[in-house]
Amino acid sequence: MDAVRVRFVPSDVPVLTSCPADRTAAIHGAAEALARLGRSHLGGNLEVTAGARTPLADERLAAARAVENVLRGGCGSVQVPPPRRWPATPGCAGSGGCPCPTIP
């Protein structure tokens, strides 16, 4: 499964577009999020970067989260699934002098 990254740029023109143009799942996810948040009068552009094996549900979820993110004052860029840190080596606590991060 590949990750999908969506960036939403809002607009006062009530039209949703995507780049590339064939990302209908992302458009539907953004439209549902705008309606759910009471902002269906807005539109915007979705920039979608996804691999060939990305599930449409992930694309729809990423678009909805990108819309929510930008309407709450964020940057409007979301990745699903979120990036993970590399796992620490066995016996590493991830603290002190060890450079390995911990995974929650």
PDB file of N, CA and C in Angstrom:
ATOM      1  N   MET A   1       0.848  -1.178   0.000  1.00  0.00           N
ATOM      2  CA  MET A   1       0.000   0.000   0.000  1.00  0.00           C
ATOM      3  C   MET A   1       0.895   1.243   0.000  1.00  0.00           C
ATOM      4  N   ASP A   2       0.584   2.178  -0.855  1.00  0.00           N
ATOM      5  CA  ASP A   2       1.349   3.410  -0.972  1.00  0.00           C
ATOM      6  C   ASP A   2       0.677   4.523  -0.181  1.00  0.00           C
ATOM      7  N   ALA A   3       1.474   5.488   0.215  1.00  0.00           N
ATOM      8  CA  ALA A   3       0.937   6.647   0.919  1.00  0.00           C
ATOM      9  C   ALA A   3       0.376   7.643  -0.091  1.00  0.00           C
ATOM     10  N   VAL A   4      -0.561   8.443   0.368  1.00  0.00           N
ATOM     11  CA  VAL A   4      -1.123   9.508  -0.458  1.00  0.00           C
ATOM     12  C   VAL A   4      -0.936  10.829   0.280  1.00  0.00           C
ATOM     13  N   ARG A   5      -0.499  11.847  -0.440  1.00  0.00           N
ATOM     14  CA  ARG A   5      -0.332  13.184   0.131  1.00  0.00           C
ATOM     15  C   ARG A   5      -1.266  14.119  -0.619  1.00  0.00           C
ATOM     16  N   VAL A   6      -2.030  14.909   0.146  1.00  0.00           N
ATOM     17  CA  VAL A   6      -2.975  15.860  -0.444  1.00  0.00           C
ATOM     18  C   VAL A   6      -2.717  17.232   0.159  1.00  0.00           C
ATOM     19  N   ARG A   7      -2.675  18.226  -0.695  1.00  0.00           N
ATOM     20  CA  ARG A   7      -2.552  19.618  -0.269  1.00  0.00           C
ATOM     21  C   ARG A   7      -3.780  20.361  -0.779  1.00  0.00           C
ATOM     22  N   PHE A   8      -4.462  21.062   0.115  1.00  0.00           N
ATOM     23  CA  PHE A   8      -5.673  21.800  -0.241  1.00  0.00           C
ATOM     24  C   PHE A   8      -5.409  23.297  -0.139  1.00  0.00           C
ATOM     25  N   VAL A   9      -5.746  24.009  -1.211  1.00  0.00           N
ATOM     26  CA  VAL A   9      -5.643  25.469  -1.242  1.00  0.00           C
ATOM     27  C   VAL A   9      -7.059  26.003  -1.430  1.00  0.00           C
ATOM     28  N   PRO A  10      -7.643  26.639  -0.390  1.00  0.00           N
ATOM     29  CA  PRO A  10      -9.030  27.085  -0.484  1.00  0.00           C
ATOM     30  C   PRO A  10      -9.209  28.286  -1.410  1.00  0.00           C
ATOM     31  N   SER A  11     -10.461  28.457  -1.848  1.00  0.00           N
ATOM     32  CA  SER A  11     -10.820  29.555  -2.730  1.00  0.00           C
ATOM     33  C   SER A  11     -12.246  29.993  -2.423  1.00  0.00           C
ATOM     34  N   ASP A  12     -12.549  31.262  -2.687  1.00  0.00           N
ATOM     35  CA  ASP A  12     -13.917  31.762  -2.510  1.00  0.00           C
ATOM     36  C   ASP A  12     -14.829  31.340  -3.651  1.00  0.00           C
ATOM     37  N   VAL A  13     -14.266  30.867  -4.743  1.00  0.00           N
ATOM     38  CA  VAL A  13     -15.053  30.379  -5.878  1.00  0.00           C
ATOM     39  C   VAL A  13     -15.510  28.957  -5.535  1.00  0.00           C
ATOM     40  N   PRO A  14     -16.820  28.676  -5.547  1.00  0.00           N
ATOM     41  CA  PRO A  14     -17.331  27.388  -5.084  1.00  0.00           C
ATOM     42  C   PRO A  14     -17.144  26.241  -6.086  1.00  0.00           C
ATOM     43  N   VAL A  15     -15.907  26.022  -6.493  1.00  0.00           N
ATOM     44  CA  VAL A  15     -15.581  24.939  -7.428  1.00  0.00           C
ATOM     45  C   VAL A  15     -14.369  24.191  -6.864  1.00  0.00           C
ATOM     46  N   LEU A  16     -14.439  22.863  -6.872  1.00  0.00           N
ATOM     47  CA  LEU A  16     -13.311  22.050  -6.440  1.00  0.00           C
ATOM     48  C   LEU A  16     -12.610  21.477  -7.662  1.00  0.00           C
ATOM     49  N   THR A  17     -11.297  21.622  -7.709  1.00  0.00           N
ATOM     50  CA  THR A  17     -10.508  21.044  -8.790  1.00  0.00           C
ATOM     51  C   THR A  17      -9.387  20.222  -8.184  1.00  0.00           C
ATOM     52  N   SER A  18      -8.825  19.327  -8.989  1.00  0.00           N
ATOM     53  CA  SER A  18      -7.708  18.528  -8.506  1.00  0.00           C
ATOM     54  C   SER A  18      -6.632  18.455  -9.571  1.00  0.00           C
ATOM     55  N   CYS A  19      -5.442  18.231  -9.108  1.00  0.00           N
ATOM     56  CA  CYS A  19      -4.312  18.040  -9.995  1.00  0.00           C
ATOM     57  C   CYS A  19      -3.579  16.802  -9.500  1.00  0.00           C
ATOM     58  N   PRO A  20      -3.521  15.731 -10.257  1.00  0.00           N
ATOM     59  CA  PRO A  20      -4.081  15.512 -11.583  1.00  0.00           C
ATOM     60  C   PRO A  20      -5.618  15.501 -11.567  1.00  0.00           C
ATOM     61  N   ALA A  21      -6.185  15.727 -12.733  1.00  0.00           N
ATOM     62  CA  ALA A  21      -7.627  15.973 -12.855  1.00  0.00           C
ATOM     63  C   ALA A  21      -8.510  14.767 -12.574  1.00  0.00           C
ATOM     64  N   ASP A  22      -7.985  13.559 -12.567  1.00  0.00           N
ATOM     65  CA  ASP A  22      -8.820  12.361 -12.437  1.00  0.00           C
ATOM     66  C   ASP A  22      -9.000  11.890 -11.000  1.00  0.00           C
ATOM     67  N   ARG A  23      -8.786  12.710 -10.015  1.00  0.00           N
ATOM     68  CA  ARG A  23      -8.855  12.306  -8.606  1.00  0.00           C
ATOM     69  C   ARG A  23     -10.239  12.579  -8.021  1.00  0.00           C
ATOM     70  N   THR A  24     -11.243  11.837  -8.486  1.00  0.00           N
ATOM     71  CA  THR A  24     -12.621  12.070  -8.039  1.00  0.00           C
ATOM     72  C   THR A  24     -12.822  11.690  -6.581  1.00  0.00           C
ATOM     73  N   ALA A  25     -12.106  10.690  -6.067  1.00  0.00           N
ATOM     74  CA  ALA A  25     -12.246  10.317  -4.658  1.00  0.00           C
ATOM     75  C   ALA A  25     -11.810  11.477  -3.765  1.00  0.00           C
ATOM     76  N   ALA A  26     -10.731  12.145  -4.132  1.00  0.00           N
ATOM     77  CA  ALA A  26     -10.259  13.293  -3.357  1.00  0.00           C
ATOM     78  C   ALA A  26     -11.268  14.435  -3.420  1.00  0.00           C
ATOM     79  N   ILE A  27     -11.848  14.670  -4.587  1.00  0.00           N
ATOM     80  CA  ILE A  27     -12.853  15.732  -4.739  1.00  0.00           C
ATOM     81  C   ILE A  27     -14.057  15.444  -3.841  1.00  0.00           C
ATOM     82  N   HIS A  28     -14.517  14.193  -3.836  1.00  0.00           N
ATOM     83  CA  HIS A  28     -15.666  13.835  -2.993  1.00  0.00           C
ATOM     84  C   HIS A  28     -15.334  13.985  -1.512  1.00  0.00           C
ATOM     85  N   GLY A  29     -14.130  13.578  -1.107  1.00  0.00           N
ATOM     86  CA  GLY A  29     -13.722  13.728   0.281  1.00  0.00           C
ATOM     87  C   GLY A  29     -13.668  15.186   0.709  1.00  0.00           C
ATOM     88  N   ALA A  30     -13.148  16.049  -0.153  1.00  0.00           N
ATOM     89  CA  ALA A  30     -13.074  17.482   0.153  1.00  0.00           C
ATOM     90  C   ALA A  30     -14.470  18.096   0.223  1.00  0.00           C
ATOM     91  N   ALA A  31     -15.342  17.733  -0.706  1.00  0.00           N
ATOM     92  CA  ALA A  31     -16.703  18.275  -0.719  1.00  0.00           C
ATOM     93  C   ALA A  31     -17.468  17.868   0.539  1.00  0.00           C
ATOM     94  N   GLU A  32     -17.317  16.610   0.958  1.00  0.00           N
ATOM     95  CA  GLU A  32     -17.982  16.143   2.172  1.00  0.00           C
ATOM     96  C   GLU A  32     -17.457  16.870   3.405  1.00  0.00           C
ATOM     97  N   ALA A  33     -16.143  17.093   3.464  1.00  0.00           N
ATOM     98  CA  ALA A  33     -15.559  17.793   4.609  1.00  0.00           C
ATOM     99  C   ALA A  33     -16.030  19.242   4.653  1.00  0.00           C
ATOM    100  N   LEU A  34     -16.060  19.915   3.505  1.00  0.00           N
ATOM    101  CA  LEU A  34     -16.537  21.299   3.470  1.00  0.00           C
ATOM    102  C   LEU A  34     -17.999  21.385   3.919  1.00  0.00           C
ATOM    103  N   ALA A  35     -18.829  20.450   3.459  1.00  0.00           N
ATOM    104  CA  ALA A  35     -20.242  20.452   3.840  1.00  0.00           C
ATOM    105  C   ALA A  35     -20.404  20.157   5.337  1.00  0.00           C
ATOM    106  N   ARG A  36     -19.646  19.193   5.843  1.00  0.00           N
ATOM    107  CA  ARG A  36     -19.734  18.821   7.251  1.00  0.00           C
ATOM    108  C   ARG A  36     -19.313  19.981   8.163  1.00  0.00           C
ATOM    109  N   LEU A  37     -18.373  20.794   7.703  1.00  0.00           N
ATOM    110  CA  LEU A  37     -17.879  21.918   8.497  1.00  0.00           C
ATOM    111  C   LEU A  37     -18.656  23.210   8.237  1.00  0.00           C
ATOM    112  N   GLY A  38     -19.730  23.123   7.449  1.00  0.00           N
ATOM    113  CA  GLY A  38     -20.558  24.299   7.179  1.00  0.00           C
ATOM    114  C   GLY A  38     -19.907  25.293   6.241  1.00  0.00           C
ATOM    115  N   ARG A  39     -19.007  24.837   5.391  1.00  0.00           N
ATOM    116  CA  ARG A  39     -18.292  25.722   4.471  1.00  0.00           C
ATOM    117  C   ARG A  39     -18.494  25.298   3.018  1.00  0.00           C
ATOM    118  N   SER A  40     -19.670  24.775   2.697  1.00  0.00           N
ATOM    119  CA  SER A  40     -19.914  24.286   1.340  1.00  0.00           C
ATOM    120  C   SER A  40     -19.932  25.403   0.306  1.00  0.00           C
ATOM    121  N   HIS A  41     -19.921  26.648   0.739  1.00  0.00           N
ATOM    122  CA  HIS A  41     -19.857  27.778  -0.194  1.00  0.00           C
ATOM    123  C   HIS A  41     -18.427  28.019  -0.692  1.00  0.00           C
ATOM    124  N   LEU A  42     -17.442  27.334  -0.106  1.00  0.00           N
ATOM    125  CA  LEU A  42     -16.057  27.476  -0.538  1.00  0.00           C
ATOM    126  C   LEU A  42     -15.689  26.434  -1.583  1.00  0.00           C
ATOM    127  N   GLY A  43     -14.619  26.667  -2.263  1.00  0.00           N
ATOM    128  CA  GLY A  43     -14.046  25.708  -3.200  1.00  0.00           C
ATOM    129  C   GLY A  43     -12.550  25.670  -2.981  1.00  0.00           C
ATOM    130  N   GLY A  44     -11.832  25.165  -3.958  1.00  0.00           N
ATOM    131  CA  GLY A  44     -10.386  25.145  -3.842  1.00  0.00           C
ATOM    132  C   GLY A  44      -9.759  24.132  -4.767  1.00  0.00           C
ATOM    133  N   ASN A  45      -8.444  24.025  -4.645  1.00  0.00           N
ATOM    134  CA  ASN A  45      -7.685  23.098  -5.474  1.00  0.00           C
ATOM    135  C   ASN A  45      -7.015  22.051  -4.597  1.00  0.00           C
ATOM    136  N   LEU A  46      -7.078  20.803  -5.043  1.00  0.00           N
ATOM    137  CA  LEU A  46      -6.428  19.688  -4.361  1.00  0.00           C
ATOM    138  C   LEU A  46      -5.256  19.224  -5.197  1.00  0.00           C
ATOM    139  N   GLU A  47      -4.077  19.196  -4.607  1.00  0.00           N
ATOM    140  CA  GLU A  47      -2.901  18.636  -5.265  1.00  0.00           C
ATOM    141  C   GLU A  47      -2.681  17.261  -4.665  1.00  0.00           C
ATOM    142  N   VAL A  48      -2.853  16.228  -5.461  1.00  0.00           N
ATOM    143  CA  VAL A  48      -2.809  14.850  -4.980  1.00  0.00           C
ATOM    144  C   VAL A  48      -1.556  14.159  -5.500  1.00  0.00           C
ATOM    145  N   THR A  49      -0.797  13.575  -4.580  1.00  0.00           N
ATOM    146  CA  THR A  49       0.358  12.762  -4.940  1.00  0.00           C
ATOM    147  C   THR A  49       0.125  11.388  -4.340  1.00  0.00           C
ATOM    148  N   ALA A  50      -0.029  10.386  -5.202  1.00  0.00           N
ATOM    149  CA  ALA A  50      -0.332   9.046  -4.724  1.00  0.00           C
ATOM    150  C   ALA A  50       0.321   8.007  -5.619  1.00  0.00           C
ATOM    151  N   GLY A  51       0.610   6.871  -5.024  1.00  0.00           N
ATOM    152  CA  GLY A  51       1.156   5.761  -5.789  1.00  0.00           C
ATOM    153  C   GLY A  51       0.054   5.026  -6.531  1.00  0.00           C
ATOM    154  N   ALA A  52       0.455   4.092  -7.352  1.00  0.00           N
ATOM    155  CA  ALA A  52      -0.510   3.350  -8.168  1.00  0.00           C
ATOM    156  C   ALA A  52      -1.402   2.439  -7.328  1.00  0.00           C
ATOM    157  N   ARG A  53      -0.912   1.994  -6.180  1.00  0.00           N
ATOM    158  CA  ARG A  53      -1.677   1.062  -5.362  1.00  0.00           C
ATOM    159  C   ARG A  53      -2.380   1.725  -4.184  1.00  0.00           C
ATOM    160  N   THR A  54      -2.591   3.005  -4.236  1.00  0.00           N
ATOM    161  CA  THR A  54      -3.240   3.718  -3.139  1.00  0.00           C
ATOM    162  C   THR A  54      -4.739   3.459  -3.155  1.00  0.00           C
ATOM    163  N   PRO A  55      -5.307   2.995  -2.024  1.00  0.00           N
ATOM    164  CA  PRO A  55      -6.755   2.793  -1.959  1.00  0.00           C
ATOM    165  C   PRO A  55      -7.509   4.119  -2.076  1.00  0.00           C
ATOM    166  N   LEU A  56      -8.648   4.089  -2.732  1.00  0.00           N
ATOM    167  CA  LEU A  56      -9.452   5.300  -2.899  1.00  0.00           C
ATOM    168  C   LEU A  56      -9.928   5.846  -1.552  1.00  0.00           C
ATOM    169  N   ALA A  57     -10.154   4.945  -0.583  1.00  0.00           N
ATOM    170  CA  ALA A  57     -10.579   5.399   0.749  1.00  0.00           C
ATOM    171  C   ALA A  57      -9.494   6.251   1.402  1.00  0.00           C
ATOM    172  N   ASP A  58      -8.229   5.902   1.201  1.00  0.00           N
ATOM    173  CA  ASP A  58      -7.129   6.703   1.751  1.00  0.00           C
ATOM    174  C   ASP A  58      -7.059   8.065   1.078  1.00  0.00           C
ATOM    175  N   GLU A  59      -7.304   8.095  -0.223  1.00  0.00           N
ATOM    176  CA  GLU A  59      -7.294   9.357  -0.959  1.00  0.00           C
ATOM    177  C   GLU A  59      -8.416  10.271  -0.475  1.00  0.00           C
ATOM    178  N   ARG A  60      -9.584   9.686  -0.266  1.00  0.00           N
ATOM    179  CA  ARG A  60     -10.734  10.445   0.213  1.00  0.00           C
ATOM    180  C   ARG A  60     -10.482  10.980   1.632  1.00  0.00           C
ATOM    181  N   LEU A  61      -9.911  10.128   2.493  1.00  0.00           N
ATOM    182  CA  LEU A  61      -9.603  10.517   3.870  1.00  0.00           C
ATOM    183  C   LEU A  61      -8.547  11.623   3.909  1.00  0.00           C
ATOM    184  N   ALA A  62      -7.503  11.495   3.102  1.00  0.00           N
ATOM    185  CA  ALA A  62      -6.450  12.510   3.072  1.00  0.00           C
ATOM    186  C   ALA A  62      -7.006  13.858   2.614  1.00  0.00           C
ATOM    187  N   ALA A  63      -7.884  13.840   1.638  1.00  0.00           N
ATOM    188  CA  ALA A  63      -8.480  15.096   1.159  1.00  0.00           C
ATOM    189  C   ALA A  63      -9.345  15.736   2.238  1.00  0.00           C
ATOM    190  N   ALA A  64     -10.141  14.931   2.921  1.00  0.00           N
ATOM    191  CA  ALA A  64     -10.987  15.461   3.996  1.00  0.00           C
ATOM    192  C   ALA A  64     -10.128  16.047   5.113  1.00  0.00           C
ATOM    193  N   ARG A  65      -9.058  15.350   5.472  1.00  0.00           N
ATOM    194  CA  ARG A  65      -8.183  15.854   6.537  1.00  0.00           C
ATOM    195  C   ARG A  65      -7.434  17.111   6.108  1.00  0.00           C
ATOM    196  N   ALA A  66      -7.085  17.204   4.830  1.00  0.00           N
ATOM    197  CA  ALA A  66      -6.404  18.411   4.336  1.00  0.00           C
ATOM    198  C   ALA A  66      -7.333  19.620   4.416  1.00  0.00           C
ATOM    199  N   VAL A  67      -8.604  19.418   4.067  1.00  0.00           N
ATOM    200  CA  VAL A  67      -9.589  20.502   4.164  1.00  0.00           C
ATOM    201  C   VAL A  67      -9.753  20.926   5.623  1.00  0.00           C
ATOM    202  N   GLU A  68      -9.923  19.949   6.520  1.00  0.00           N
ATOM    203  CA  GLU A  68     -10.067  20.254   7.940  1.00  0.00           C
ATOM    204  C   GLU A  68      -8.841  20.987   8.458  1.00  0.00           C
ATOM    205  N   ASN A  69      -7.661  20.547   8.024  1.00  0.00           N
ATOM    206  CA  ASN A  69      -6.417  21.157   8.469  1.00  0.00           C
ATOM    207  C   ASN A  69      -6.339  22.628   8.078  1.00  0.00           C
ATOM    208  N   VAL A  70      -6.633  22.937   6.829  1.00  0.00           N
ATOM    209  CA  VAL A  70      -6.508  24.330   6.374  1.00  0.00           C
ATOM    210  C   VAL A  70      -7.591  25.214   6.988  1.00  0.00           C
ATOM    211  N   LEU A  71      -8.784  24.693   7.215  1.00  0.00           N
ATOM    212  CA  LEU A  71      -9.840  25.503   7.813  1.00  0.00           C
ATOM    213  C   LEU A  71      -9.584  25.778   9.287  1.00  0.00           C
ATOM    214  N   ARG A  72      -8.719  24.973   9.906  1.00  0.00           N
ATOM    215  CA  ARG A  72      -8.341  25.202  11.312  1.00  0.00           C
ATOM    216  C   ARG A  72      -7.050  25.999  11.426  1.00  0.00           C
ATOM    217  N   GLY A  73      -6.596  26.563  10.293  1.00  0.00           N
ATOM    218  CA  GLY A  73      -5.422  27.420  10.324  1.00  0.00           C
ATOM    219  C   GLY A  73      -4.110  26.721  10.023  1.00  0.00           C
ATOM    220  N   GLY A  74      -4.161  25.461   9.607  1.00  0.00           N
ATOM    221  CA  GLY A  74      -2.948  24.721   9.293  1.00  0.00           C
ATOM    222  C   GLY A  74      -2.458  24.989   7.883  1.00  0.00           C
ATOM    223  N   CYS A  75      -1.474  24.208   7.472  1.00  0.00           N
ATOM    224  CA  CYS A  75      -0.872  24.406   6.147  1.00  0.00           C
ATOM    225  C   CYS A  75      -1.689  23.754   5.030  1.00  0.00           C
ATOM    226  N   GLY A  76      -2.587  22.830   5.369  1.00  0.00           N
ATOM    227  CA  GLY A  76      -3.432  22.204   4.363  1.00  0.00           C
ATOM    228  C   GLY A  76      -2.814  21.013   3.671  1.00  0.00           C
ATOM    229  N   SER A  77      -1.696  20.511   4.175  1.00  0.00           N
ATOM    230  CA  SER A  77      -1.024  19.366   3.575  1.00  0.00           C
ATOM    231  C   SER A  77      -1.100  18.181   4.528  1.00  0.00           C
ATOM    232  N   VAL A  78      -1.586  17.034   4.025  1.00  0.00           N
ATOM    233  CA  VAL A  78      -1.781  15.844   4.856  1.00  0.00           C
ATOM    234  C   VAL A  78      -1.293  14.616   4.108  1.00  0.00           C
ATOM    235  N   GLN A  79      -0.726  13.665   4.857  1.00  0.00           N
ATOM    236  CA  GLN A  79      -0.318  12.388   4.278  1.00  0.00           C
ATOM    237  C   GLN A  79      -1.020  11.257   5.015  1.00  0.00           C
ATOM    238  N   VAL A  80      -1.561  10.304   4.276  1.00  0.00           N
ATOM    239  CA  VAL A  80      -2.219   9.113   4.829  1.00  0.00           C
ATOM    240  C   VAL A  80      -1.597   7.898   4.168  1.00  0.00           C
ATOM    241  N   PRO A  81      -1.155   6.893   4.892  1.00  0.00           N
ATOM    242  CA  PRO A  81      -0.949   6.904   6.333  1.00  0.00           C
ATOM    243  C   PRO A  81       0.175   7.859   6.697  1.00  0.00           C
ATOM    244  N   PRO A  82       0.154   8.363   7.954  1.00  0.00           N
ATOM    245  CA  PRO A  82       1.189   9.324   8.349  1.00  0.00           C
ATOM    246  C   PRO A  82       2.574   8.686   8.327  1.00  0.00           C
ATOM    247  N   PRO A  83       3.600   9.476   8.055  1.00  0.00           N
ATOM    248  CA  PRO A  83       4.951   8.916   8.043  1.00  0.00           C
ATOM    249  C   PRO A  83       5.343   8.423   9.422  1.00  0.00           C
ATOM    250  N   ARG A  84       6.102   7.312   9.448  1.00  0.00           N
ATOM    251  CA  ARG A  84       6.551   6.739  10.720  1.00  0.00           C
ATOM    252  C   ARG A  84       8.052   6.900  10.852  1.00  0.00           C
ATOM    253  N   ARG A  85       8.487   6.976  12.077  1.00  0.00           N
ATOM    254  CA  ARG A  85       9.916   7.011  12.338  1.00  0.00           C
ATOM    255  C   ARG A  85      10.484   5.605  12.198  1.00  0.00           C
ATOM    256  N   TRP A  86      11.780   5.539  11.941  1.00  0.00           N
ATOM    257  CA  TRP A  86      12.441   4.235  11.894  1.00  0.00           C
ATOM    258  C   TRP A  86      12.411   3.617  13.271  1.00  0.00           C
ATOM    259  N   PRO A  87      12.218   2.298  13.361  1.00  0.00           N
ATOM    260  CA  PRO A  87      12.226   1.662  14.680  1.00  0.00           C
ATOM    261  C   PRO A  87      13.626   1.696  15.293  1.00  0.00           C
ATOM    262  N   ALA A  88      13.657   1.794  16.609  1.00  0.00           N
ATOM    263  CA  ALA A  88      14.931   1.790  17.326  1.00  0.00           C
ATOM    264  C   ALA A  88      15.534   0.392  17.293  1.00  0.00           C
ATOM    265  N   THR A  89      16.840   0.324  17.393  1.00  0.00           N
ATOM    266  CA  THR A  89      17.518  -0.968  17.433  1.00  0.00           C
ATOM    267  C   THR A  89      17.197  -1.676  18.734  1.00  0.00           C
ATOM    268  N   PRO A  90      17.249  -3.002  18.779  1.00  0.00           N
ATOM    269  CA  PRO A  90      16.936  -3.733  20.016  1.00  0.00           C
ATOM    270  C   PRO A  90      17.818  -3.255  21.165  1.00  0.00           C
ATOM    271  N   GLY A  91      17.210  -3.030  22.310  1.00  0.00           N
ATOM    272  CA  GLY A  91      17.927  -2.583  23.492  1.00  0.00           C
ATOM    273  C   GLY A  91      18.102  -1.082  23.580  1.00  0.00           C
ATOM    274  N   CYS A  92      17.666  -0.345  22.591  1.00  0.00           N
ATOM    275  CA  CYS A  92      17.815   1.106  22.572  1.00  0.00           C
ATOM    276  C   CYS A  92      16.599   1.736  23.243  1.00  0.00           C
ATOM    277  N   ALA A  93      16.840   2.600  24.188  1.00  0.00           N
ATOM    278  CA  ALA A  93      15.736   3.249  24.902  1.00  0.00           C
ATOM    279  C   ALA A  93      15.284   4.540  24.233  1.00  0.00           C
ATOM    280  N   GLY A  94      16.071   5.027  23.297  1.00  0.00           N
ATOM    281  CA  GLY A  94      15.701   6.254  22.605  1.00  0.00           C
ATOM    282  C   GLY A  94      15.885   7.506  23.421  1.00  0.00           C
ATOM    283  N   SER A  95      16.656   7.407  24.472  1.00  0.00           N
ATOM    284  CA  SER A  95      16.883   8.584  25.315  1.00  0.00           C
ATOM    285  C   SER A  95      18.355   8.658  25.689  1.00  0.00           C
ATOM    286  N   GLY A  96      18.708   9.706  26.358  1.00  0.00           N
ATOM    287  CA  GLY A  96      20.093   9.865  26.776  1.00  0.00           C
ATOM    288  C   GLY A  96      20.993  10.124  25.586  1.00  0.00           C
ATOM    289  N   GLY A  97      22.085   9.383  25.491  1.00  0.00           N
ATOM    290  CA  GLY A  97      23.033   9.580  24.405  1.00  0.00           C
ATOM    291  C   GLY A  97      22.677   8.809  23.150  1.00  0.00           C
ATOM    292  N   CYS A  98      21.591   8.061  23.180  1.00  0.00           N
ATOM    293  CA  CYS A  98      21.199   7.253  22.021  1.00  0.00           C
ATOM    294  C   CYS A  98      20.519   8.143  20.973  1.00  0.00           C
ATOM    295  N   PRO A  99      20.928   8.071  19.714  1.00  0.00           N
ATOM    296  CA  PRO A  99      20.312   8.912  18.678  1.00  0.00           C
ATOM    297  C   PRO A  99      18.999   8.360  18.144  1.00  0.00           C
ATOM    298  N   CYS A 100      18.605   7.175  18.563  1.00  0.00           N
ATOM    299  CA  CYS A 100      17.394   6.552  18.014  1.00  0.00           C
ATOM    300  C   CYS A 100      16.135   7.173  18.611  1.00  0.00           C
ATOM    301  N   PRO A 101      15.146   7.518  17.775  1.00  0.00           N
ATOM    302  CA  PRO A 101      13.871   8.020  18.310  1.00  0.00           C
ATOM    303  C   PRO A 101      13.018   6.864  18.801  1.00  0.00           C
ATOM    304  N   THR A 102      12.108   7.158  19.689  1.00  0.00           N
ATOM    305  CA  THR A 102      11.167   6.124  20.148  1.00  0.00           C
ATOM    306  C   THR A 102       9.925   6.174  19.290  1.00  0.00           C
ATOM    307  N   ILE A 103       9.252   5.039  19.170  1.00  0.00           N
ATOM    308  CA  ILE A 103       8.005   4.943  18.419  1.00  0.00           C
ATOM    309  C   ILE A 103       6.885   4.769  19.421  1.00  0.00           C
ATOM    310  N   PRO A 104       5.907   5.659  19.417  1.00  0.00           N
ATOM    311  CA  PRO A 104       4.804   5.546  20.390  1.00  0.00           C
ATOM    312  C   PRO A 104       3.937   4.356  20.095  1.00  0.00           C
TER     313      PRO A 104
END
